[in-house]
Amino acid sequence: MPIITIFGATGNQGSAVLQAVLASGTYTPRAVSRSLDTPASKALIAKGIEVVVGNLWDKESVKKAIRGSDVVFGTTNFWDPEVFPADPQGKGEITQGKNLVDAAKEEGVKFFIHSSLPNVSEDSKGQFTHVYHCDNKAAIENHLKASGVPFAVLLTGYFPENLYNYGLMEKTDTGFRIPIPKYGPNDNQEFTWVGHDLGQAAVALLSNYHDSKKSILGKRFPVVSFKATHTELADAIAKGECFQLRSSFRARSGAPREKADPAKIEAYVCQGIRSVSGVFGSHHSAFVTMSSAKPGPAT
């Protein structure tokens, strides 16, 4: 089978793509990690998955990791401490992304799937110019467009998994508080349930990019599992526990946050995602829903 090399394979997005590729049985996944000695890498190796070393700061190591693969799934991590806050604007993310694109071109990759975000500075007409984790990915996307490598882009929304992966739930006397930056209680948000939908979307692209009638190459495909306000999401999650919504980054009291049991929180959040998806409906792109990968609605 042809090989798809997956960057970020031990992280949230890459692992979702890897699992979906395994389930599809159409490509052999190759996982890229900066070290073979991490628990996540060892777990993949124990399952018989090929894991290779690649460091996005080092283009030659990336070329070696990619070599022999037909397809690359590429994602960059703005929140890597070596990227941000090492540089307040995280410009190293652009360097890493360009290294990945250039390596793919030099190795003759046939198709590149790029996980991206909108250019907020441009889309807001200069109103918001400090959303670097979005603008940097858009800059990488522009470099990919100019590279000549055949590609498609998956655009993601807010990841509800962040609520438990990054301990964003604050314990209170009455339940939990969800800190949400820059969104009011009635503002709609697009959500991407990564573990449920991103991998399926990637497999849909893999299954159809050869077909010129599908017009996939060079296009952008939003992966939106559902749309809702954060209040609605909190209400859905609250069916398992009591939650409050707060539109700011941190508790003003300065008191340390009490963290809840991550496994328990994950169960509540996933229950809430299913509930809110069922109420407000799935908003996958038309391409994803018609794919032979059979991605179902997030219910």
Protein backbone atom coordinates (compact mmCIF):
# COMPACT_ATOMS: atom_id res chain seq x y z
CA MET A 1 0.00 0.00 0.00
CA PRO A 2 1.12 3.59 -0.54
CA ILE A 3 2.50 5.41 2.49
CA ILE A 4 1.13 8.53 4.16
CA THR A 5 3.64 10.21 6.46
CA ILE A 6 1.86 11.86 9.38
CA PHE A 7 3.44 14.71 11.30
CA GLY A 8 2.14 15.30 14.80
CA ALA A 9 1.21 11.62 14.95
CA THR A 10 1.59 11.52 18.73
CA GLY A 11 -0.54 14.64 19.16
CA ASN A 12 -4.22 15.46 18.90
CA GLN A 13 -4.58 15.98 15.15
CA GLY A 14 -1.99 13.56 13.84
CA SER A 15 -3.18 10.71 16.04
CA ALA A 16 -6.74 11.20 14.79
CA VAL A 17 -5.52 11.01 11.19
CA LEU A 18 -3.38 7.96 11.94
CA GLN A 19 -6.27 6.05 13.49
CA ALA A 20 -8.61 6.91 10.61
CA VAL A 21 -6.00 5.82 8.04
CA LEU A 22 -5.53 2.52 9.85
CA ALA A 23 -9.28 1.96 9.87
CA SER A 24 -9.60 2.76 6.17
CA GLY A 25 -6.98 0.19 5.15
CA THR A 26 -6.06 2.15 2.01
CA TYR A 27 -2.71 3.63 3.08
CA THR A 28 0.10 2.57 5.36
CA PRO A 29 0.64 5.25 8.00
CA ARG A 30 4.14 6.33 8.95
CA ALA A 31 4.30 8.34 12.17
CA VAL A 32 6.85 11.11 12.68
CA SER A 33 8.14 11.95 16.15
CA ARG A 34 11.05 13.96 17.44
CA SER A 35 12.07 10.99 19.58
CA LEU A 36 11.47 7.25 19.47
CA ASP A 37 11.88 7.07 23.24
CA THR A 38 8.74 8.92 24.31
CA PRO A 39 5.86 6.87 25.76
CA ALA A 40 3.63 7.90 22.83
CA SER A 41 6.19 6.76 20.25
CA LYS A 42 6.81 3.50 22.06
CA ALA A 43 3.07 2.83 22.20
CA LEU A 44 2.79 3.23 18.41
CA ILE A 45 5.82 1.03 17.82
CA ALA A 46 4.32 -1.64 20.08
CA LYS A 47 1.25 -1.66 17.80
CA GLY A 48 3.44 -2.36 14.78
CA ILE A 49 3.26 1.16 13.36
CA GLU A 50 6.36 2.56 11.70
CA VAL A 51 7.68 5.53 13.66
CA VAL A 52 10.53 7.63 12.30
CA VAL A 53 12.46 10.57 13.70
CA GLY A 54 11.86 13.98 12.20
CA ASN A 55 12.41 17.48 13.55
CA LEU A 56 10.69 20.36 11.78
CA TRP A 57 13.62 22.63 12.61
CA ASP A 58 15.84 20.36 10.49
CA LYS A 59 14.75 20.06 6.86
CA GLU A 60 17.12 17.19 6.11
CA SER A 61 15.61 15.09 8.91
CA VAL A 62 12.15 15.90 7.54
CA LYS A 63 13.18 14.81 4.04
CA LYS A 64 14.47 11.55 5.43
CA ALA A 65 11.21 11.00 7.35
CA ILE A 66 9.11 11.66 4.23
CA ARG A 67 11.21 9.67 1.77
CA GLY A 68 9.22 7.01 -0.11
CA SER A 69 5.78 8.29 0.86
CA ASP A 70 3.05 9.35 -1.56
CA VAL A 71 1.19 11.63 0.83
CA VAL A 72 2.03 13.87 3.78
CA PHE A 73 -0.30 15.12 6.50
CA GLY A 74 1.28 18.27 7.87
CA THR A 75 0.51 20.21 11.01
CA THR A 76 2.58 22.64 13.05
CA ASN A 77 2.33 23.47 16.74
CA PHE A 78 2.40 27.16 17.63
CA TRP A 79 2.21 26.25 21.31
CA ASP A 80 5.46 24.28 21.28
CA PRO A 81 7.62 26.14 23.87
CA GLU A 82 10.42 26.31 21.29
CA VAL A 83 8.04 28.30 19.08
CA PHE A 84 5.94 30.24 21.58
CA PRO A 85 6.70 31.86 23.98
CA ALA A 86 10.31 31.51 22.75
CA ASP A 87 9.23 34.14 20.22
CA PRO A 88 6.17 36.26 21.15
CA GLN A 89 4.93 36.01 17.56
CA GLY A 90 5.86 32.36 17.17
CA LYS A 91 7.53 32.98 13.80
CA GLY A 92 9.42 29.72 14.19
CA GLU A 93 6.16 27.99 13.29
CA ILE A 94 6.44 29.49 9.80
CA THR A 95 10.04 28.30 9.55
CA GLN A 96 8.96 24.79 10.53
CA GLY A 97 6.07 24.78 8.10
CA LYS A 98 8.22 25.97 5.22
CA ASN A 99 10.78 23.27 6.01
CA LEU A 100 8.00 20.68 5.83
CA VAL A 101 6.63 21.98 2.53
CA ASP A 102 10.07 22.29 0.95
CA ALA A 103 11.03 18.78 2.09
CA ALA A 104 7.81 17.40 0.59
CA LYS A 105 8.56 19.11 -2.71
CA GLU A 106 12.15 17.87 -2.83
CA GLU A 107 11.03 14.31 -2.08
CA GLY A 108 8.39 14.34 -4.82
CA VAL A 109 5.32 13.95 -2.60
CA LYS A 110 2.19 13.47 -4.69
CA PHE A 111 -0.31 15.04 -2.28
CA PHE A 112 0.01 17.22 0.81
CA ILE A 113 -2.80 17.67 3.34
CA HIS A 114 -2.27 20.84 5.36
CA SER A 115 -4.10 21.56 8.61
CA SER A 116 -4.58 25.31 8.61
CA LEU A 117 -6.42 28.28 10.08
CA PRO A 118 -7.72 31.54 8.58
CA ASN A 119 -5.57 34.65 8.25
CA VAL A 120 -7.24 36.71 10.96
CA SER A 121 -5.33 39.90 10.15
CA GLU A 122 -6.63 39.85 6.58
CA ASP A 123 -10.11 38.55 7.32
CA SER A 124 -10.65 41.24 9.99
CA LYS A 125 -9.23 43.93 7.66
CA GLY A 126 -6.51 44.74 10.14
CA GLN A 127 -8.70 44.89 13.23
CA PHE A 128 -7.05 41.87 14.85
CA THR A 129 -3.35 41.58 14.05
CA HIS A 130 -2.05 39.56 16.99
CA VAL A 131 -3.72 36.17 16.44
CA TYR A 132 -0.38 34.72 15.48
CA HIS A 133 -1.29 31.04 15.76
CA CYS A 134 -3.81 31.60 12.95
CA ASP A 135 -1.82 33.98 10.76
CA ASN A 136 1.30 31.79 10.91
CA LYS A 137 -0.57 28.78 9.58
CA ALA A 138 -2.04 30.92 6.83
CA ALA A 139 1.51 32.01 5.90
CA ILE A 140 2.53 28.36 5.64
CA GLU A 141 -0.51 27.72 3.46
CA ASN A 142 0.56 30.54 1.12
CA HIS A 143 4.03 28.98 0.88
CA LEU A 144 2.42 25.64 0.07
CA LYS A 145 0.33 27.21 -2.70
CA ALA A 146 3.43 28.72 -4.27
CA SER A 147 5.48 25.52 -3.96
CA GLY A 148 3.79 23.58 -6.74
CA VAL A 149 3.16 20.58 -4.47
CA PRO A 150 -0.36 19.16 -5.06
CA PHE A 151 -2.32 19.91 -1.90
CA ALA A 152 -5.60 20.44 -0.12
CA VAL A 153 -6.28 22.27 3.13
CA LEU A 154 -8.36 21.22 6.12
CA LEU A 155 -9.56 24.26 8.04
CA THR A 156 -10.36 23.62 11.68
CA GLY A 157 -12.42 25.38 14.33
CA TYR A 158 -12.08 25.35 18.10
CA PHE A 159 -11.19 21.93 19.50
CA PRO A 160 -13.56 20.92 22.32
CA GLU A 161 -10.89 18.37 23.32
CA ASN A 162 -8.86 21.34 24.56
CA LEU A 163 -11.19 21.53 27.54
CA TYR A 164 -9.73 18.33 28.97
CA ASN A 165 -6.42 17.99 27.10
CA TYR A 166 -5.21 21.30 28.50
CA GLY A 167 -7.05 21.33 31.82
CA LEU A 168 -9.18 24.36 30.91
CA MET A 169 -11.95 23.43 33.34
CA GLU A 170 -11.73 25.34 36.63
CA LYS A 171 -13.22 23.63 39.68
CA THR A 172 -15.67 25.73 41.71
CA ASP A 173 -17.79 25.09 44.80
CA THR A 174 -20.80 24.43 42.57
CA GLY A 175 -19.20 22.61 39.66
CA PHE A 176 -16.82 23.86 36.95
CA ARG A 177 -16.07 27.10 35.11
CA ILE A 178 -15.10 27.20 31.42
CA PRO A 179 -12.80 30.16 30.61
CA ILE A 180 -13.45 31.36 27.04
CA PRO A 181 -11.41 34.26 25.57
CA LYS A 182 -13.00 36.91 23.38
CA TYR A 183 -16.39 35.21 23.07
CA GLY A 184 -19.60 36.37 24.69
CA PRO A 185 -22.26 33.95 25.94
CA ASN A 186 -24.34 34.41 22.77
CA ASP A 187 -21.53 34.38 20.18
CA ASN A 188 -21.53 31.40 17.83
CA GLN A 189 -18.38 29.31 17.47
CA GLU A 190 -17.46 26.63 14.96
CA PHE A 191 -16.12 23.50 16.64
CA THR A 192 -13.98 20.71 15.21
CA TRP A 193 -14.27 17.47 17.16
CA VAL A 194 -10.81 16.28 16.17
CA GLY A 195 -11.01 12.71 17.41
CA HIS A 196 -14.29 12.12 15.62
CA ASP A 197 -14.06 14.10 12.38
CA LEU A 198 -10.59 15.32 11.39
CA GLY A 199 -9.20 11.90 10.58
CA GLN A 200 -12.28 11.03 8.56
CA ALA A 201 -11.91 14.26 6.60
CA ALA A 202 -8.26 13.46 5.84
CA VAL A 203 -9.20 9.96 4.64
CA ALA A 204 -11.90 11.50 2.45
CA LEU A 205 -9.23 13.59 0.76
CA LEU A 206 -6.95 10.57 0.40
CA SER A 207 -9.73 8.58 -1.21
CA ASN A 208 -10.70 11.22 -3.74
CA TYR A 209 -7.79 13.52 -4.59
CA HIS A 210 -6.94 11.51 -7.75
CA ASP A 211 -10.40 12.22 -9.18
CA SER A 212 -10.30 15.48 -11.15
CA LYS A 213 -14.11 15.62 -11.09
CA LYS A 214 -14.01 16.16 -7.31
CA SER A 215 -11.93 19.36 -7.73
CA ILE A 216 -9.95 18.72 -4.55
CA LEU A 217 -6.45 19.92 -5.41
CA GLY A 218 -5.71 23.44 -4.25
CA LYS A 219 -9.00 23.73 -2.36
CA ARG A 220 -9.82 24.44 1.29
CA PHE A 221 -12.28 22.26 3.21
CA PRO A 222 -13.68 23.38 6.58
CA VAL A 223 -14.09 20.55 9.05
CA VAL A 224 -16.89 21.83 11.27
CA SER A 225 -18.48 19.24 13.53
CA PHE A 226 -21.09 21.63 14.92
CA LYS A 227 -21.85 25.29 15.54
CA ALA A 228 -23.06 26.54 18.89
CA THR A 229 -22.56 29.22 21.50
CA HIS A 230 -20.28 28.38 24.40
CA THR A 231 -23.29 28.72 26.66
CA GLU A 232 -25.03 25.98 24.71
CA LEU A 233 -21.94 23.78 24.92
CA ALA A 234 -21.68 24.38 28.66
CA ASP A 235 -25.37 23.55 29.10
CA ALA A 236 -24.89 20.32 27.19
CA ILE A 237 -21.85 19.34 29.25
CA ALA A 238 -23.70 20.28 32.44
CA LYS A 239 -25.94 17.26 31.99
CA GLY A 240 -23.09 15.36 33.62
CA GLU A 241 -21.91 18.07 36.03
CA CYS A 242 -22.58 21.70 36.90
CA PHE A 243 -20.73 24.25 34.74
CA GLN A 244 -20.49 28.01 34.54
CA LEU A 245 -19.33 30.02 31.52
CA ARG A 246 -16.86 32.87 31.92
CA SER A 247 -15.59 34.95 29.00
CA SER A 248 -11.99 35.59 30.01
CA PHE A 249 -8.71 33.75 30.21
CA ARG A 250 -8.08 33.49 33.97
CA ALA A 251 -9.83 33.81 37.28
CA ARG A 252 -9.40 37.40 38.48
CA SER A 253 -8.87 36.32 42.05
CA GLY A 254 -5.45 34.94 41.14
CA ALA A 255 -6.17 31.82 43.17
CA PRO A 256 -4.81 28.57 41.76
CA ARG A 257 -7.28 26.57 39.76
CA GLU A 258 -8.42 23.26 41.15
CA LYS A 259 -8.27 20.67 38.39
CA ALA A 260 -10.87 17.95 38.07
CA ASP A 261 -10.23 14.32 37.20
CA PRO A 262 -9.23 14.47 33.47
CA ALA A 263 -10.93 11.17 32.64
CA LYS A 264 -14.15 12.35 34.26
CA ILE A 265 -13.98 15.68 32.46
CA GLU A 266 -13.33 13.95 29.13
CA ALA A 267 -16.43 11.81 29.62
CA TYR A 268 -18.57 14.87 30.42
CA VAL A 269 -17.22 16.89 27.49
CA CYS A 270 -17.70 14.07 24.98
CA GLN A 271 -21.23 13.54 26.28
CA GLY A 272 -21.84 17.26 25.84
CA ILE A 273 -20.38 17.29 22.33
CA ARG A 274 -22.67 14.45 21.30
CA SER A 275 -25.62 16.24 22.84
CA VAL A 276 -24.96 19.63 21.29
CA SER A 277 -24.14 18.05 17.90
CA GLY A 278 -27.43 16.20 17.96
CA VAL A 279 -29.37 19.37 18.76
CA PHE A 280 -27.66 21.81 16.42
CA GLY A 281 -26.64 19.42 13.67
CA SER A 282 -23.41 18.53 11.94
CA HIS A 283 -21.95 21.09 9.56
CA HIS A 284 -19.36 19.05 7.70
CA SER A 285 -18.32 20.35 4.30
CA ALA A 286 -20.25 18.80 1.42
CA PHE A 287 -17.08 17.07 0.26
CA VAL A 288 -16.52 15.30 3.54
CA THR A 289 -20.07 13.99 3.76
CA MET A 290 -20.02 12.54 0.25
CA SER A 291 -16.66 10.83 0.73
CA SER A 292 -16.19 7.11 0.38
CA ALA A 293 -14.59 7.25 3.83
CA LYS A 294 -18.13 7.27 5.24
CA PRO A 295 -17.65 9.97 7.90
CA GLY A 296 -20.82 10.06 9.95
CA PRO A 297 -22.37 13.02 11.75
CA ALA A 298 -21.00 13.82 15.19
CA THR A 299 -23.83 12.35 17.21
